[in-house]
Amino acid sequence: MPVITTEMLAGRNLEGADHGATVSIIIDESEPGRGPRLHRHPYDETWVVIEGVVTFRSGDDLLAAGPGDIVIVPPQTPHGFTNESPGRSKMVCIHASPTFATEWLE
């Protein structure tokens, strides 16, 4: 069981395959009004909101989430998010895959 410190993470990302894990993780810290453009994955993605208020776009739905909330998007669903907070948001993004696979749609 490895302990992976923040100093060991390349760009706040952990690709599970590098550590014998079946999931990959992104520690996301987004500035106000920022977030990734529309994209999708061949696997589900789960977010745990730690700080801030974030609006998720999942297909045609807009979903607001705050600290402690968990958001799950199914495979192949176009999605993105925007930090609506006055300060930086912080989330743990869990990709249900040992490697990242992203198709950018915008």
PDB file of N, CA and C in Angstrom:
ATOM      1  N   MET A   1       0.852  -1.176   0.000  1.00  0.00           N
ATOM      2  CA  MET A   1       0.000   0.000   0.000  1.00  0.00           C
ATOM      3  C   MET A   1       0.896   1.235   0.000  1.00  0.00           C
ATOM      4  N   PRO A   2       1.005   1.913  -1.146  1.00  0.00           N
ATOM      5  CA  PRO A   2       1.870   3.097  -1.196  1.00  0.00           C
ATOM      6  C   PRO A   2       1.172   4.332  -0.621  1.00  0.00           C
ATOM      7  N   VAL A   3       1.967   5.209  -0.052  1.00  0.00           N
ATOM      8  CA  VAL A   3       1.496   6.542   0.311  1.00  0.00           C
ATOM      9  C   VAL A   3       2.076   7.477  -0.736  1.00  0.00           C
ATOM     10  N   ILE A   4       1.202   8.182  -1.421  1.00  0.00           N
ATOM     11  CA  ILE A   4       1.635   9.091  -2.481  1.00  0.00           C
ATOM     12  C   ILE A   4       1.435  10.504  -1.964  1.00  0.00           C
ATOM     13  N   THR A   5       2.526  11.208  -1.753  1.00  0.00           N
ATOM     14  CA  THR A   5       2.450  12.563  -1.215  1.00  0.00           C
ATOM     15  C   THR A   5       2.162  13.560  -2.334  1.00  0.00           C
ATOM     16  N   THR A   6       1.684  14.738  -1.972  1.00  0.00           N
ATOM     17  CA  THR A   6       1.383  15.764  -2.978  1.00  0.00           C
ATOM     18  C   THR A   6       2.635  16.147  -3.760  1.00  0.00           C
ATOM     19  N   GLU A   7       3.790  16.054  -3.129  1.00  0.00           N
ATOM     20  CA  GLU A   7       5.036  16.378  -3.832  1.00  0.00           C
ATOM     21  C   GLU A   7       5.330  15.372  -4.947  1.00  0.00           C
ATOM     22  N   MET A   8       4.791  14.166  -4.832  1.00  0.00           N
ATOM     23  CA  MET A   8       5.031  13.124  -5.828  1.00  0.00           C
ATOM     24  C   MET A   8       4.094  13.225  -7.034  1.00  0.00           C
ATOM     25  N   LEU A   9       3.000  13.981  -6.905  1.00  0.00           N
ATOM     26  CA  LEU A   9       2.019  14.074  -7.984  1.00  0.00           C
ATOM     27  C   LEU A   9       2.495  15.023  -9.073  1.00  0.00           C
ATOM     28  N   ALA A  10       2.429  14.568 -10.295  1.00  0.00           N
ATOM     29  CA  ALA A  10       2.798  15.415 -11.443  1.00  0.00           C
ATOM     30  C   ALA A  10       1.582  16.253 -11.829  1.00  0.00           C
ATOM     31  N   GLY A  11       1.628  17.543 -11.570  1.00  0.00           N
ATOM     32  CA  GLY A  11       0.522  18.413 -11.964  1.00  0.00           C
ATOM     33  C   GLY A  11      -0.768  18.114 -11.232  1.00  0.00           C
ATOM     34  N   ARG A  12      -0.715  17.570 -10.036  1.00  0.00           N
ATOM     35  CA  ARG A  12      -1.890  17.256  -9.207  1.00  0.00           C
ATOM     36  C   ARG A  12      -2.704  16.081  -9.767  1.00  0.00           C
ATOM     37  N   ASN A  13      -2.112  15.281 -10.653  1.00  0.00           N
ATOM     38  CA  ASN A  13      -2.784  14.119 -11.237  1.00  0.00           C
ATOM     39  C   ASN A  13      -2.086  12.848 -10.793  1.00  0.00           C
ATOM     40  N   LEU A  14      -2.905  11.799 -10.578  1.00  0.00           N
ATOM     41  CA  LEU A  14      -2.362  10.485 -10.278  1.00  0.00           C
ATOM     42  C   LEU A  14      -2.972   9.514 -11.274  1.00  0.00           C
ATOM     43  N   GLU A  15      -2.129   8.951 -12.126  1.00  0.00           N
ATOM     44  CA  GLU A  15      -2.609   7.931 -13.055  1.00  0.00           C
ATOM     45  C   GLU A  15      -2.433   6.585 -12.363  1.00  0.00           C
ATOM     46  N   GLY A  16      -3.562   5.918 -12.124  1.00  0.00           N
ATOM     47  CA  GLY A  16      -3.568   4.688 -11.347  1.00  0.00           C
ATOM     48  C   GLY A  16      -2.623   3.615 -11.841  1.00  0.00           C
ATOM     49  N   ALA A  17      -2.494   3.484 -13.158  1.00  0.00           N
ATOM     50  CA  ALA A  17      -1.627   2.441 -13.732  1.00  0.00           C
ATOM     51  C   ALA A  17      -0.192   2.557 -13.232  1.00  0.00           C
ATOM     52  N   ASP A  18       0.247   3.762 -12.917  1.00  0.00           N
ATOM     53  CA  ASP A  18       1.612   3.961 -12.425  1.00  0.00           C
ATOM     54  C   ASP A  18       1.824   3.389 -11.025  1.00  0.00           C
ATOM     55  N   HIS A  19       0.715   3.084 -10.345  1.00  0.00           N
ATOM     56  CA  HIS A  19       0.793   2.634  -8.949  1.00  0.00           C
ATOM     57  C   HIS A  19       0.029   1.336  -8.715  1.00  0.00           C
ATOM     58  N   GLY A  20      -0.352   0.632  -9.793  1.00  0.00           N
ATOM     59  CA  GLY A  20      -1.079  -0.620  -9.663  1.00  0.00           C
ATOM     60  C   GLY A  20      -2.523  -0.439  -9.216  1.00  0.00           C
ATOM     61  N   ALA A  21      -3.087   0.746  -9.440  1.00  0.00           N
ATOM     62  CA  ALA A  21      -4.468   1.028  -9.033  1.00  0.00           C
ATOM     63  C   ALA A  21      -5.410   0.977 -10.233  1.00  0.00           C
ATOM     64  N   THR A  22      -6.685   0.774  -9.964  1.00  0.00           N
ATOM     65  CA  THR A  22      -7.689   0.683 -11.031  1.00  0.00           C
ATOM     66  C   THR A  22      -8.415   2.005 -11.273  1.00  0.00           C
ATOM     67  N   VAL A  23      -8.074   3.051 -10.520  1.00  0.00           N
ATOM     68  CA  VAL A  23      -8.658   4.380 -10.722  1.00  0.00           C
ATOM     69  C   VAL A  23      -7.532   5.394 -10.892  1.00  0.00           C
ATOM     70  N   SER A  24      -7.889   6.532 -11.500  1.00  0.00           N
ATOM     71  CA  SER A  24      -6.972   7.670 -11.619  1.00  0.00           C
ATOM     72  C   SER A  24      -7.635   8.855 -10.932  1.00  0.00           C
ATOM     73  N   ILE A  25      -6.824   9.777 -10.428  1.00  0.00           N
ATOM     74  CA  ILE A  25      -7.345  10.882  -9.622  1.00  0.00           C
ATOM     75  C   ILE A  25      -6.731  12.201 -10.061  1.00  0.00           C
ATOM     76  N   ILE A  26      -7.580  13.230 -10.071  1.00  0.00           N
ATOM     77  CA  ILE A  26      -7.120  14.606 -10.274  1.00  0.00           C
ATOM     78  C   ILE A  26      -7.513  15.397  -9.033  1.00  0.00           C
ATOM     79  N   ILE A  27      -6.569  16.132  -8.476  1.00  0.00           N
ATOM     80  CA  ILE A  27      -6.876  17.091  -7.423  1.00  0.00           C
ATOM     81  C   ILE A  27      -7.066  18.424  -8.144  1.00  0.00           C
ATOM     82  N   ASP A  28      -8.325  18.842  -8.281  1.00  0.00           N
ATOM     83  CA  ASP A  28      -8.638  20.042  -9.057  1.00  0.00           C
ATOM     84  C   ASP A  28      -8.795  21.248  -8.141  1.00  0.00           C
ATOM     85  N   GLU A  29      -8.099  22.319  -8.471  1.00  0.00           N
ATOM     86  CA  GLU A  29      -8.271  23.612  -7.817  1.00  0.00           C
ATOM     87  C   GLU A  29      -8.495  24.623  -8.925  1.00  0.00           C
ATOM     88  N   SER A  30      -9.749  25.094  -9.032  1.00  0.00           N
ATOM     89  CA  SER A  30     -10.111  26.008 -10.123  1.00  0.00           C
ATOM     90  C   SER A  30     -10.353  27.415  -9.588  1.00  0.00           C
ATOM     91  N   GLU A  31      -9.876  28.388 -10.330  1.00  0.00           N
ATOM     92  CA  GLU A  31     -10.120  29.793  -9.997  1.00  0.00           C
ATOM     93  C   GLU A  31     -11.584  30.130 -10.282  1.00  0.00           C
ATOM     94  N   PRO A  32     -12.109  31.207  -9.706  1.00  0.00           N
ATOM     95  CA  PRO A  32     -13.492  31.620  -9.972  1.00  0.00           C
ATOM     96  C   PRO A  32     -13.766  31.738 -11.476  1.00  0.00           C
ATOM     97  N   GLY A  33     -14.908  31.203 -11.904  1.00  0.00           N
ATOM     98  CA  GLY A  33     -15.302  31.272 -13.309  1.00  0.00           C
ATOM     99  C   GLY A  33     -14.585  30.302 -14.221  1.00  0.00           C
ATOM    100  N   ARG A  34     -13.741  29.457 -13.667  1.00  0.00           N
ATOM    101  CA  ARG A  34     -12.942  28.540 -14.489  1.00  0.00           C
ATOM    102  C   ARG A  34     -13.379  27.092 -14.292  1.00  0.00           C
ATOM    103  N   GLY A  35     -12.967  26.251 -15.239  1.00  0.00           N
ATOM    104  CA  GLY A  35     -13.219  24.818 -15.209  1.00  0.00           C
ATOM    105  C   GLY A  35     -12.970  24.265 -16.596  1.00  0.00           C
ATOM    106  N   PRO A  36     -12.964  22.946 -16.744  1.00  0.00           N
ATOM    107  CA  PRO A  36     -12.666  22.361 -18.052  1.00  0.00           C
ATOM    108  C   PRO A  36     -13.817  22.547 -19.041  1.00  0.00           C
ATOM    109  N   ARG A  37     -13.452  22.665 -20.307  1.00  0.00           N
ATOM    110  CA  ARG A  37     -14.478  22.756 -21.350  1.00  0.00           C
ATOM    111  C   ARG A  37     -15.156  21.394 -21.519  1.00  0.00           C
ATOM    112  N   LEU A  38     -16.201  21.348 -22.314  1.00  0.00           N
ATOM    113  CA  LEU A  38     -17.009  20.153 -22.488  1.00  0.00           C
ATOM    114  C   LEU A  38     -16.153  18.986 -23.011  1.00  0.00           C
ATOM    115  N   HIS A  39     -16.309  17.826 -22.367  1.00  0.00           N
ATOM    116  CA  HIS A  39     -15.551  16.634 -22.744  1.00  0.00           C
ATOM    117  C   HIS A  39     -16.309  15.401 -22.258  1.00  0.00           C
ATOM    118  N   ARG A  40     -15.776  14.218 -22.569  1.00  0.00           N
ATOM    119  CA  ARG A  40     -16.362  12.971 -22.077  1.00  0.00           C
ATOM    120  C   ARG A  40     -15.269  11.916 -21.958  1.00  0.00           C
ATOM    121  N   HIS A  41     -15.636  10.832 -21.243  1.00  0.00           N
ATOM    122  CA  HIS A  41     -14.726   9.710 -21.021  1.00  0.00           C
ATOM    123  C   HIS A  41     -15.470   8.400 -21.298  1.00  0.00           C
ATOM    124  N   PRO A  42     -14.753   7.316 -21.609  1.00  0.00           N
ATOM    125  CA  PRO A  42     -15.403   6.021 -21.821  1.00  0.00           C
ATOM    126  C   PRO A  42     -15.717   5.302 -20.496  1.00  0.00           C
ATOM    127  N   TYR A  43     -15.545   5.982 -19.378  1.00  0.00           N
ATOM    128  CA  TYR A  43     -15.792   5.455 -18.033  1.00  0.00           C
ATOM    129  C   TYR A  43     -16.480   6.542 -17.215  1.00  0.00           C
ATOM    130  N   ASP A  44     -17.033   6.172 -16.057  1.00  0.00           N
ATOM    131  CA  ASP A  44     -17.667   7.192 -15.231  1.00  0.00           C
ATOM    132  C   ASP A  44     -16.614   8.027 -14.502  1.00  0.00           C
ATOM    133  N   GLU A  45     -17.041   9.246 -14.127  1.00  0.00           N
ATOM    134  CA  GLU A  45     -16.176  10.153 -13.370  1.00  0.00           C
ATOM    135  C   GLU A  45     -16.966  10.630 -12.160  1.00  0.00           C
ATOM    136  N   THR A  46     -16.309  10.647 -11.012  1.00  0.00           N
ATOM    137  CA  THR A  46     -16.925  11.051  -9.753  1.00  0.00           C
ATOM    138  C   THR A  46     -16.115  12.187  -9.146  1.00  0.00           C
ATOM    139  N   TRP A  47     -16.811  13.204  -8.637  1.00  0.00           N
ATOM    140  CA  TRP A  47     -16.163  14.332  -7.974  1.00  0.00           C
ATOM    141  C   TRP A  47     -16.629  14.407  -6.541  1.00  0.00           C
ATOM    142  N   VAL A  48     -15.727  14.731  -5.651  1.00  0.00           N
ATOM    143  CA  VAL A  48     -16.049  15.061  -4.271  1.00  0.00           C
ATOM    144  C   VAL A  48     -15.645  16.522  -4.097  1.00  0.00           C
ATOM    145  N   VAL A  49     -16.631  17.370  -3.833  1.00  0.00           N
ATOM    146  CA  VAL A  49     -16.358  18.800  -3.668  1.00  0.00           C
ATOM    147  C   VAL A  49     -15.844  19.025  -2.250  1.00  0.00           C
ATOM    148  N   ILE A  50     -14.678  19.627  -2.144  1.00  0.00           N
ATOM    149  CA  ILE A  50     -14.058  19.907  -0.844  1.00  0.00           C
ATOM    150  C   ILE A  50     -14.319  21.360  -0.444  1.00  0.00           C
ATOM    151  N   GLU A  51     -14.113  22.288  -1.389  1.00  0.00           N
ATOM    152  CA  GLU A  51     -14.303  23.716  -1.121  1.00  0.00           C
ATOM    153  C   GLU A  51     -14.970  24.368  -2.321  1.00  0.00           C
ATOM    154  N   GLY A  52     -15.814  25.363  -2.052  1.00  0.00           N
ATOM    155  CA  GLY A  52     -16.414  26.146  -3.119  1.00  0.00           C
ATOM    156  C   GLY A  52     -17.766  25.621  -3.562  1.00  0.00           C
ATOM    157  N   VAL A  53     -18.350  26.364  -4.494  1.00  0.00           N
ATOM    158  CA  VAL A  53     -19.614  25.976  -5.132  1.00  0.00           C
ATOM    159  C   VAL A  53     -19.323  25.830  -6.618  1.00  0.00           C
ATOM    160  N   VAL A  54     -19.672  24.687  -7.162  1.00  0.00           N
ATOM    161  CA  VAL A  54     -19.328  24.351  -8.536  1.00  0.00           C
ATOM    162  C   VAL A  54     -20.608  23.979  -9.281  1.00  0.00           C
ATOM    163  N   THR A  55     -20.760  24.502 -10.503  1.00  0.00           N
ATOM    164  CA  THR A  55     -21.873  24.103 -11.356  1.00  0.00           C
ATOM    165  C   THR A  55     -21.356  23.101 -12.371  1.00  0.00           C
ATOM    166  N   PHE A  56     -21.968  21.921 -12.364  1.00  0.00           N
ATOM    167  CA  PHE A  56     -21.609  20.857 -13.292  1.00  0.00           C
ATOM    168  C   PHE A  56     -22.592  20.854 -14.452  1.00  0.00           C
ATOM    169  N   ARG A  57     -22.072  20.665 -15.635  1.00  0.00           N
ATOM    170  CA  ARG A  57     -22.898  20.427 -16.815  1.00  0.00           C
ATOM    171  C   ARG A  57     -22.745  18.953 -17.145  1.00  0.00           C
ATOM    172  N   SER A  58     -23.867  18.244 -17.148  1.00  0.00           N
ATOM    173  CA  SER A  58     -23.872  16.818 -17.456  1.00  0.00           C
ATOM    174  C   SER A  58     -24.952  16.592 -18.490  1.00  0.00           C
ATOM    175  N   GLY A  59     -24.557  16.362 -19.732  1.00  0.00           N
ATOM    176  CA  GLY A  59     -25.536  16.292 -20.813  1.00  0.00           C
ATOM    177  C   GLY A  59     -26.227  17.644 -20.917  1.00  0.00           C
ATOM    178  N   ASP A  60     -27.556  17.674 -20.793  1.00  0.00           N
ATOM    179  CA  ASP A  60     -28.317  18.929 -20.833  1.00  0.00           C
ATOM    180  C   ASP A  60     -28.609  19.490 -19.450  1.00  0.00           C
ATOM    181  N   ASP A  61     -28.169  18.815 -18.393  1.00  0.00           N
ATOM    182  CA  ASP A  61     -28.470  19.224 -17.023  1.00  0.00           C
ATOM    183  C   ASP A  61     -27.378  20.105 -16.444  1.00  0.00           C
ATOM    184  N   LEU A  62     -27.794  21.079 -15.616  1.00  0.00           N
ATOM    185  CA  LEU A  62     -26.881  21.874 -14.806  1.00  0.00           C
ATOM    186  C   LEU A  62     -27.133  21.514 -13.349  1.00  0.00           C
ATOM    187  N   LEU A  63     -26.075  21.178 -12.635  1.00  0.00           N
ATOM    188  CA  LEU A  63     -26.178  20.714 -11.258  1.00  0.00           C
ATOM    189  C   LEU A  63     -25.236  21.516 -10.378  1.00  0.00           C
ATOM    190  N   ALA A  64     -25.751  22.118  -9.301  1.00  0.00           N
ATOM    191  CA  ALA A  64     -24.909  22.865  -8.363  1.00  0.00           C
ATOM    192  C   ALA A  64     -24.477  21.932  -7.237  1.00  0.00           C
ATOM    193  N   ALA A  65     -23.213  22.022  -6.845  1.00  0.00           N
ATOM    194  CA  ALA A  65     -22.681  21.190  -5.776  1.00  0.00           C
ATOM    195  C   ALA A  65     -21.752  22.012  -4.894  1.00  0.00           C
ATOM    196  N   GLY A  66     -21.789  21.733  -3.598  1.00  0.00           N
ATOM    197  CA  GLY A  66     -20.944  22.436  -2.637  1.00  0.00           C
ATOM    198  C   GLY A  66     -20.163  21.455  -1.783  1.00  0.00           C
ATOM    199  N   PRO A  67     -19.464  21.964  -0.767  1.00  0.00           N
ATOM    200  CA  PRO A  67     -18.607  21.123   0.070  1.00  0.00           C
ATOM    201  C   PRO A  67     -19.339  19.898   0.623  1.00  0.00           C
ATOM    202  N   GLY A  68     -18.717  18.746   0.437  1.00  0.00           N
ATOM    203  CA  GLY A  68     -19.274  17.486   0.891  1.00  0.00           C
ATOM    204  C   GLY A  68     -20.153  16.786  -0.128  1.00  0.00           C
ATOM    205  N   ASP A  69     -20.553  17.500  -1.183  1.00  0.00           N
ATOM    206  CA  ASP A  69     -21.396  16.883  -2.211  1.00  0.00           C
ATOM    207  C   ASP A  69     -20.554  16.001  -3.126  1.00  0.00           C
ATOM    208  N   ILE A  70     -21.203  14.977  -3.667  1.00  0.00           N
ATOM    209  CA  ILE A  70     -20.571  14.049  -4.605  1.00  0.00           C
ATOM    210  C   ILE A  70     -21.382  14.059  -5.888  1.00  0.00           C
ATOM    211  N   VAL A  71     -20.703  14.192  -7.007  1.00  0.00           N
ATOM    212  CA  VAL A  71     -21.340  14.214  -8.322  1.00  0.00           C
ATOM    213  C   VAL A  71     -20.768  13.062  -9.144  1.00  0.00           C
ATOM    214  N   ILE A  72     -21.647  12.312  -9.821  1.00  0.00           N
ATOM    215  CA  ILE A  72     -21.218  11.183 -10.647  1.00  0.00           C
ATOM    216  C   ILE A  72     -21.785  11.362 -12.046  1.00  0.00           C
ATOM    217  N   VAL A  73     -20.919  11.265 -13.051  1.00  0.00           N
ATOM    218  CA  VAL A  73     -21.348  11.340 -14.444  1.00  0.00           C
ATOM    219  C   VAL A  73     -21.063   9.989 -15.095  1.00  0.00           C
ATOM    220  N   PRO A  74     -22.072   9.408 -15.781  1.00  0.00           N
ATOM    221  CA  PRO A  74     -21.887   8.099 -16.422  1.00  0.00           C
ATOM    222  C   PRO A  74     -20.920   8.164 -17.611  1.00  0.00           C
ATOM    223  N   PRO A  75     -20.451   7.000 -18.056  1.00  0.00           N
ATOM    224  CA  PRO A  75     -19.572   6.947 -19.229  1.00  0.00           C
ATOM    225  C   PRO A  75     -20.221   7.593 -20.452  1.00  0.00           C
ATOM    226  N   GLN A  76     -19.394   8.193 -21.295  1.00  0.00           N
ATOM    227  CA  GLN A  76     -19.781   8.793 -22.584  1.00  0.00           C
ATOM    228  C   GLN A  76     -20.699  10.008 -22.464  1.00  0.00           C
ATOM    229  N   THR A  77     -20.927  10.523 -21.256  1.00  0.00           N
ATOM    230  CA  THR A  77     -21.791  11.686 -21.063  1.00  0.00           C
ATOM    231  C   THR A  77     -20.961  12.965 -21.181  1.00  0.00           C
ATOM    232  N   PRO A  78     -21.311  13.858 -22.108  1.00  0.00           N
ATOM    233  CA  PRO A  78     -20.597  15.140 -22.193  1.00  0.00           C
ATOM    234  C   PRO A  78     -20.763  15.909 -20.878  1.00  0.00           C
ATOM    235  N   HIS A  79     -19.662  16.441 -20.366  1.00  0.00           N
ATOM    236  CA  HIS A  79     -19.712  17.151 -19.095  1.00  0.00           C
ATOM    237  C   HIS A  79     -18.572  18.157 -18.972  1.00  0.00           C
ATOM    238  N   GLY A  80     -18.726  19.037 -18.012  1.00  0.00           N
ATOM    239  CA  GLY A  80     -17.729  20.030 -17.650  1.00  0.00           C
ATOM    240  C   GLY A  80     -18.207  20.676 -16.368  1.00  0.00           C
ATOM    241  N   PHE A  81     -17.441  21.605 -15.832  1.00  0.00           N
ATOM    242  CA  PHE A  81     -17.885  22.315 -14.631  1.00  0.00           C
ATOM    243  C   PHE A  81     -17.262  23.699 -14.591  1.00  0.00           C
ATOM    244  N   THR A  82     -17.881  24.565 -13.787  1.00  0.00           N
ATOM    245  CA  THR A  82     -17.400  25.930 -13.589  1.00  0.00           C
ATOM    246  C   THR A  82     -17.445  26.249 -12.100  1.00  0.00           C
ATOM    247  N   ASN A  83     -16.373  26.819 -11.602  1.00  0.00           N
ATOM    248  CA  ASN A  83     -16.327  27.279 -10.216  1.00  0.00           C
ATOM    249  C   ASN A  83     -17.136  28.562 -10.113  1.00  0.00           C
ATOM    250  N   GLU A  84     -18.212  28.545  -9.319  1.00  0.00           N
ATOM    251  CA  GLU A  84     -19.080  29.711  -9.142  1.00  0.00           C
ATOM    252  C   GLU A  84     -18.713  30.508  -7.895  1.00  0.00           C
ATOM    253  N   SER A  85     -17.718  30.078  -7.160  1.00  0.00           N
ATOM    254  CA  SER A  85     -17.329  30.706  -5.898  1.00  0.00           C
ATOM    255  C   SER A  85     -16.523  31.978  -6.131  1.00  0.00           C
ATOM    256  N   PRO A  86     -16.479  32.868  -5.130  1.00  0.00           N
ATOM    257  CA  PRO A  86     -15.619  34.041  -5.233  1.00  0.00           C
ATOM    258  C   PRO A  86     -14.138  33.696  -5.058  1.00  0.00           C
ATOM    259  N   GLY A  87     -13.861  32.530  -4.487  1.00  0.00           N
ATOM    260  CA  GLY A  87     -12.486  32.064  -4.316  1.00  0.00           C
ATOM    261  C   GLY A  87     -12.282  30.755  -5.054  1.00  0.00           C
ATOM    262  N   ARG A  88     -11.132  30.176  -4.876  1.00  0.00           N
ATOM    263  CA  ARG A  88     -10.773  28.924  -5.538  1.00  0.00           C
ATOM    264  C   ARG A  88     -11.634  27.763  -5.024  1.00  0.00           C
ATOM    265  N   SER A  89     -12.046  26.883  -5.939  1.00  0.00           N
ATOM    266  CA  SER A  89     -12.734  25.650  -5.547  1.00  0.00           C
ATOM    267  C   SER A  89     -11.699  24.532  -5.463  1.00  0.00           C
ATOM    268  N   LYS A  90     -12.041  23.496  -4.717  1.00  0.00           N
ATOM    269  CA  LYS A  90     -11.148  22.343  -4.611  1.00  0.00           C
ATOM    270  C   LYS A  90     -11.996  21.087  -4.631  1.00  0.00           C
ATOM    271  N   MET A  91     -11.611  20.140  -5.501  1.00  0.00           N
ATOM    272  CA  MET A  91     -12.328  18.879  -5.636  1.00  0.00           C
ATOM    273  C   MET A  91     -11.351  17.734  -5.866  1.00  0.00           C
ATOM    274  N   VAL A  92     -11.803  16.543  -5.512  1.00  0.00           N
ATOM    275  CA  VAL A  92     -11.114  15.319  -5.886  1.00  0.00           C
ATOM    276  C   VAL A  92     -11.937  14.708  -7.017  1.00  0.00           C
ATOM    277  N   CYS A  93     -11.305  14.500  -8.177  1.00  0.00           N
ATOM    278  CA  CYS A  93     -11.968  13.933  -9.358  1.00  0.00           C
ATOM    279  C   CYS A  93     -11.457  12.507  -9.538  1.00  0.00           C
ATOM    280  N   ILE A  94     -12.367  11.553  -9.490  1.00  0.00           N
ATOM    281  CA  ILE A  94     -12.000  10.140  -9.570  1.00  0.00           C
ATOM    282  C   ILE A  94     -12.432   9.590 -10.926  1.00  0.00           C
ATOM    283  N   HIS A  95     -11.471   9.162 -11.705  1.00  0.00           N
ATOM    284  CA  HIS A  95     -11.717   8.549 -13.013  1.00  0.00           C
ATOM    285  C   HIS A  95     -11.699   7.038 -12.827  1.00  0.00           C
ATOM    286  N   ALA A  96     -12.780   6.366 -13.234  1.00  0.00           N
ATOM    287  CA  ALA A  96     -12.899   4.913 -13.051  1.00  0.00           C
ATOM    288  C   ALA A  96     -12.092   4.171 -14.116  1.00  0.00           C
ATOM    289  N   SER A  97     -10.795   4.455 -14.127  1.00  0.00           N
ATOM    290  CA  SER A  97      -9.888   3.854 -15.110  1.00  0.00           C
ATOM    291  C   SER A  97      -8.454   3.998 -14.600  1.00  0.00           C
ATOM    292  N   PRO A  98      -7.602   3.027 -14.873  1.00  0.00           N
ATOM    293  CA  PRO A  98      -6.204   3.155 -14.465  1.00  0.00           C
ATOM    294  C   PRO A  98      -5.419   4.164 -15.309  1.00  0.00           C
ATOM    295  N   THR A  99      -6.000   4.612 -16.426  1.00  0.00           N
ATOM    296  CA  THR A  99      -5.375   5.643 -17.274  1.00  0.00           C
ATOM    297  C   THR A  99      -6.435   6.672 -17.649  1.00  0.00           C
ATOM    298  N   PHE A 100      -5.988   7.887 -17.952  1.00  0.00           N
ATOM    299  CA  PHE A 100      -6.905   8.938 -18.383  1.00  0.00           C
ATOM    300  C   PHE A 100      -7.210   8.779 -19.865  1.00  0.00           C
ATOM    301  N   ALA A 101      -8.485   8.914 -20.225  1.00  0.00           N
ATOM    302  CA  ALA A 101      -8.910   8.891 -21.635  1.00  0.00           C
ATOM    303  C   ALA A 101      -9.987   9.953 -21.780  1.00  0.00           C
ATOM    304  N   THR A 102      -9.654  11.046 -22.448  1.00  0.00           N
ATOM    305  CA  THR A 102     -10.567  12.180 -22.569  1.00  0.00           C
ATOM    306  C   THR A 102     -10.757  12.555 -24.018  1.00  0.00           C
ATOM    307  N   GLU A 103     -12.022  12.743 -24.417  1.00  0.00           N
ATOM    308  CA  GLU A 103     -12.357  13.261 -25.741  1.00  0.00           C
ATOM    309  C   GLU A 103     -12.903  14.666 -25.530  1.00  0.00           C
ATOM    310  N   TRP A 104     -12.165  15.672 -26.011  1.00  0.00           N
ATOM    311  CA  TRP A 104     -12.589  17.070 -25.873  1.00  0.00           C
ATOM    312  C   TRP A 104     -13.614  17.393 -26.949  1.00  0.00           C
ATOM    313  N   LEU A 105     -14.732  17.977 -26.537  1.00  0.00           N
ATOM    314  CA  LEU A 105     -15.848  18.255 -27.445  1.00  0.00           C
ATOM    315  C   LEU A 105     -15.954  19.738 -27.800  1.00  0.00           C
ATOM    316  N   GLU A 106     -15.290  20.592 -27.066  1.00  0.00           N
ATOM    317  CA  GLU A 106     -15.257  22.036 -27.343  1.00  0.00           C
ATOM    318  C   GLU A 106     -13.820  22.502 -27.375  1.00  0.00           C
TER     319      GLU A 106
END
